[in-house]
Amino acid sequence: MRFLFTALAAVLLIGCSESPKTAAKKKEPVKLEPVTGRQAFQQMYPAARGWAPDALPLQLKSLQLTEVKAEPGKAGAWQCIFVSPGRGKSKLYTWSAIEAEGNLHQGVFAGQEDSWTEARQAKPFLIAAIKTDSDEAYETAVKKSAEYMKKYPDKTINFFLEQTPRYPNLAWRVIWGESVGTSDYSIYIDATTGTFLERMR
């Protein structure tokens, strides 16, 4: 009997020691994938509505990350300025695939609240106006930029979305360069219809 109890205890100990090993799953490496502007926006919007029920987007733009390789019409991070007309406040939200410099945190992150008054240029826009995503805007812009892209094949491409008096509809600005201020070439695409609007040099 003593032998049987000893053997049984040994079997139970072995079973207990091995079960965590068999139950443990190997962790898959996190894929650092870029996303389109609308995909990032859809993740930021619920957080903005939690901040202010009347929150509306004012500007959406892509951010380039060296650790996350950009794909056509996609970026490793995006930032969106939301405004609350009722409160007269604005708040910057970011979505990032990773923790990175520039106060970027993985997932959705909210910045500080600032005062806001409606300006003559950028206007808050309705979410329903984003019918054309950044990857679709990219495809249309590329068709109009074959000569420029042949001359500058490795130039960084960024995206900027806003509603201004320049066009009747919300528009994507596809920018060759790091920013609007430093770019020497960009294409405007109607974010509602997806049509080409204008080439800027």
Protein backbone atom coordinates (compact mmCIF):
# COMPACT_ATOMS: atom_id res chain seq x y z
CA MET A 1 0.00 0.00 0.00
CA ARG A 2 2.81 2.37 0.89
CA PHE A 3 4.36 1.67 -2.52
CA LEU A 4 1.06 2.38 -4.31
CA PHE A 5 0.62 5.71 -2.48
CA THR A 6 4.20 6.69 -3.32
CA ALA A 7 3.73 5.81 -7.00
CA LEU A 8 0.41 7.67 -7.15
CA ALA A 9 1.95 10.77 -5.58
CA ALA A 10 4.81 10.68 -8.08
CA VAL A 11 2.37 10.50 -11.00
CA LEU A 12 0.38 13.46 -9.65
CA LEU A 13 3.54 15.53 -9.15
CA ILE A 14 4.71 14.82 -12.69
CA GLY A 15 1.27 15.69 -14.07
CA CYS A 16 1.14 18.96 -12.14
CA SER A 17 4.63 19.97 -13.18
CA GLU A 18 4.03 19.26 -16.87
CA SER A 19 0.54 20.71 -17.28
CA PRO A 20 1.66 24.37 -17.33
CA LYS A 21 4.19 23.53 -20.04
CA THR A 22 1.59 21.89 -22.25
CA ALA A 23 -1.02 24.55 -21.47
CA ALA A 24 1.33 27.44 -22.15
CA LYS A 25 1.04 28.81 -25.66
CA LYS A 26 3.92 30.27 -27.53
CA LYS A 27 3.52 34.02 -27.88
CA GLU A 28 3.43 35.14 -31.48
CA PRO A 29 5.63 38.12 -32.30
CA VAL A 30 3.61 41.34 -32.60
CA LYS A 31 3.20 42.37 -36.21
CA LEU A 32 4.00 46.02 -36.68
CA GLU A 33 1.58 46.76 -39.48
CA PRO A 34 0.68 50.20 -40.83
CA VAL A 35 -2.98 51.09 -41.32
CA THR A 36 -5.01 53.42 -43.53
CA GLY A 37 -6.25 56.78 -42.33
CA ARG A 38 -9.83 55.64 -41.94
CA GLN A 39 -8.77 52.53 -39.98
CA ALA A 40 -6.81 54.67 -37.53
CA PHE A 41 -9.60 57.25 -37.36
CA GLN A 42 -12.18 54.59 -36.49
CA GLN A 43 -10.07 53.59 -33.50
CA MET A 44 -9.61 57.18 -32.28
CA TYR A 45 -13.20 58.33 -32.75
CA PRO A 46 -14.81 56.38 -29.84
CA ALA A 47 -12.20 57.82 -27.45
CA ALA A 48 -12.92 61.33 -28.72
CA ARG A 49 -16.67 60.85 -28.25
CA GLY A 50 -15.95 59.72 -24.70
CA TRP A 51 -14.17 63.04 -24.17
CA ALA A 52 -16.98 65.11 -25.73
CA PRO A 53 -20.27 63.74 -27.11
CA ASP A 54 -20.29 66.41 -29.85
CA ALA A 55 -16.67 65.76 -30.89
CA LEU A 56 -15.98 66.25 -34.60
CA PRO A 57 -12.73 65.67 -36.53
CA LEU A 58 -10.86 68.74 -37.74
CA GLN A 59 -7.63 67.36 -39.25
CA LEU A 60 -6.23 63.89 -39.79
CA LYS A 61 -2.63 63.28 -40.83
CA SER A 62 -0.16 60.43 -41.16
CA LEU A 63 3.04 60.10 -39.12
CA GLN A 64 6.02 58.11 -40.39
CA LEU A 65 7.79 55.66 -38.08
CA THR A 66 11.20 54.19 -38.94
CA GLU A 67 10.31 50.99 -37.07
CA VAL A 68 7.10 50.39 -39.05
CA LYS A 69 7.52 50.20 -42.80
CA ALA A 70 4.92 52.29 -44.60
CA GLU A 71 2.79 50.72 -47.32
CA PRO A 72 0.92 52.48 -50.13
CA GLY A 73 -1.72 54.65 -48.48
CA LYS A 74 -0.85 53.41 -45.00
CA ALA A 75 1.27 54.66 -42.08
CA GLY A 76 2.57 53.34 -38.76
CA ALA A 77 0.95 56.22 -36.86
CA TRP A 78 -1.78 58.81 -37.37
CA GLN A 79 -2.93 61.86 -35.46
CA CYS A 80 -6.32 63.54 -35.46
CA ILE A 81 -7.45 66.83 -33.96
CA PHE A 82 -11.00 66.64 -32.63
CA VAL A 83 -13.03 69.67 -31.62
CA SER A 84 -16.04 70.16 -29.39
CA PRO A 85 -18.08 73.10 -30.75
CA GLY A 86 -20.26 73.12 -27.64
CA ARG A 87 -17.33 73.34 -25.25
CA GLY A 88 -15.06 75.43 -27.46
CA LYS A 89 -12.25 72.91 -26.94
CA SER A 90 -9.94 70.79 -29.07
CA LYS A 91 -8.02 67.63 -28.28
CA LEU A 92 -5.31 65.77 -30.17
CA TYR A 93 -5.52 61.99 -30.41
CA THR A 94 -2.96 59.62 -31.87
CA TRP A 95 -2.98 56.02 -32.98
CA SER A 96 0.38 54.24 -33.23
CA ALA A 97 1.43 50.68 -33.98
CA ILE A 98 4.22 50.98 -31.38
CA GLU A 99 5.65 53.09 -28.57
CA ALA A 100 7.77 55.74 -30.30
CA GLU A 101 9.36 59.16 -29.93
CA GLY A 102 7.21 62.26 -30.08
CA ASN A 103 4.88 61.13 -27.27
CA LEU A 104 3.49 58.28 -29.36
CA HIS A 105 2.04 55.34 -27.48
CA GLN A 106 0.86 52.03 -28.84
CA GLY A 107 -2.84 52.14 -29.65
CA VAL A 108 -4.96 55.23 -29.04
CA PHE A 109 -3.57 58.03 -26.87
CA ALA A 110 -5.18 61.36 -25.91
CA GLY A 111 -3.26 64.61 -25.63
CA GLN A 112 -4.07 67.74 -23.66
CA GLU A 113 -7.25 69.75 -24.08
CA ASP A 114 -6.89 73.20 -25.70
CA SER A 115 -9.23 76.08 -26.41
CA TRP A 116 -10.76 76.25 -29.89
CA THR A 117 -12.72 78.76 -31.93
CA GLU A 118 -13.97 78.12 -35.45
CA ALA A 119 -11.53 79.46 -38.03
CA ARG A 120 -11.99 80.59 -41.61
CA GLN A 121 -9.81 77.82 -42.99
CA ALA A 122 -10.09 74.28 -41.58
CA LYS A 123 -13.64 73.34 -40.58
CA PRO A 124 -14.89 70.35 -38.57
CA PHE A 125 -16.23 67.66 -40.89
CA LEU A 126 -18.77 64.86 -40.70
CA ILE A 127 -17.54 61.27 -40.50
CA ALA A 128 -19.82 60.28 -43.36
CA ALA A 129 -17.71 62.46 -45.68
CA ILE A 130 -14.75 60.03 -45.45
CA LYS A 131 -15.92 57.77 -48.25
CA THR A 132 -12.49 57.51 -49.87
CA ASP A 133 -9.71 56.08 -47.70
CA SER A 134 -6.04 57.08 -47.82
CA ASP A 135 -5.01 53.99 -49.81
CA GLU A 136 -7.60 54.83 -52.48
CA ALA A 137 -6.46 58.46 -52.52
CA TYR A 138 -2.90 57.19 -52.96
CA GLU A 139 -3.84 55.10 -56.01
CA THR A 140 -5.52 58.07 -57.69
CA ALA A 141 -2.63 60.42 -56.83
CA VAL A 142 -0.03 57.99 -58.21
CA LYS A 143 -1.84 57.84 -61.57
CA LYS A 144 -1.39 61.61 -61.83
CA SER A 145 2.24 61.60 -60.67
CA ALA A 146 4.12 59.12 -62.86
CA GLU A 147 6.67 61.70 -64.06
CA TYR A 148 7.39 63.03 -60.55
CA MET A 149 7.66 59.56 -59.02
CA LYS A 150 10.05 58.47 -61.75
CA LYS A 151 12.30 61.39 -60.85
CA TYR A 152 11.95 60.87 -57.05
CA PRO A 153 11.17 57.17 -56.53
CA ASP A 154 12.20 56.99 -52.86
CA LYS A 155 10.51 60.10 -51.54
CA THR A 156 8.36 59.74 -48.42
CA ILE A 157 4.61 60.11 -48.98
CA ASN A 158 2.31 61.52 -46.30
CA PHE A 159 -1.42 62.16 -46.06
CA PHE A 160 -3.42 65.10 -44.76
CA LEU A 161 -7.22 65.22 -44.53
CA GLU A 162 -9.25 68.37 -43.89
CA GLN A 163 -12.22 70.46 -45.00
CA THR A 164 -11.35 73.96 -46.24
CA PRO A 165 -13.05 76.59 -48.43
CA ARG A 166 -10.68 75.54 -51.24
CA TYR A 167 -13.04 72.70 -52.26
CA PRO A 168 -16.73 72.02 -51.59
CA ASN A 169 -15.98 68.55 -50.16
CA LEU A 170 -13.56 67.11 -47.65
CA ALA A 171 -10.21 66.46 -49.37
CA TRP A 172 -7.11 64.30 -48.98
CA ARG A 173 -3.80 65.96 -49.69
CA VAL A 174 -1.24 63.35 -50.75
CA ILE A 175 2.14 64.91 -50.00
CA TRP A 176 5.55 63.90 -51.35
CA GLY A 177 7.82 64.94 -48.50
CA GLU A 178 7.92 65.10 -44.72
CA SER A 179 5.34 67.88 -44.29
CA VAL A 180 3.12 70.35 -46.12
CA GLY A 181 5.63 73.14 -45.50
CA THR A 182 8.62 71.28 -46.93
CA SER A 183 6.88 69.49 -49.80
CA ASP A 184 7.38 70.65 -53.38
CA TYR A 185 4.68 68.39 -54.81
CA SER A 186 1.25 67.21 -53.70
CA ILE A 187 -2.07 66.02 -55.07
CA TYR A 188 -5.57 66.82 -53.80
CA ILE A 189 -8.17 64.06 -53.93
CA ASP A 190 -11.86 64.48 -53.09
CA ALA A 191 -12.43 62.33 -49.99
CA THR A 192 -16.13 61.92 -50.77
CA THR A 193 -16.07 61.08 -54.47
CA GLY A 194 -12.47 59.88 -54.81
CA THR A 195 -11.82 62.10 -57.83
CA PHE A 196 -8.66 64.04 -58.65
CA LEU A 197 -8.94 67.72 -57.73
CA GLU A 198 -5.64 69.53 -58.19
CA ARG A 199 -1.86 69.17 -58.50
CA MET A 200 0.33 71.47 -56.39
CA ARG A 201 3.99 72.21 -57.13
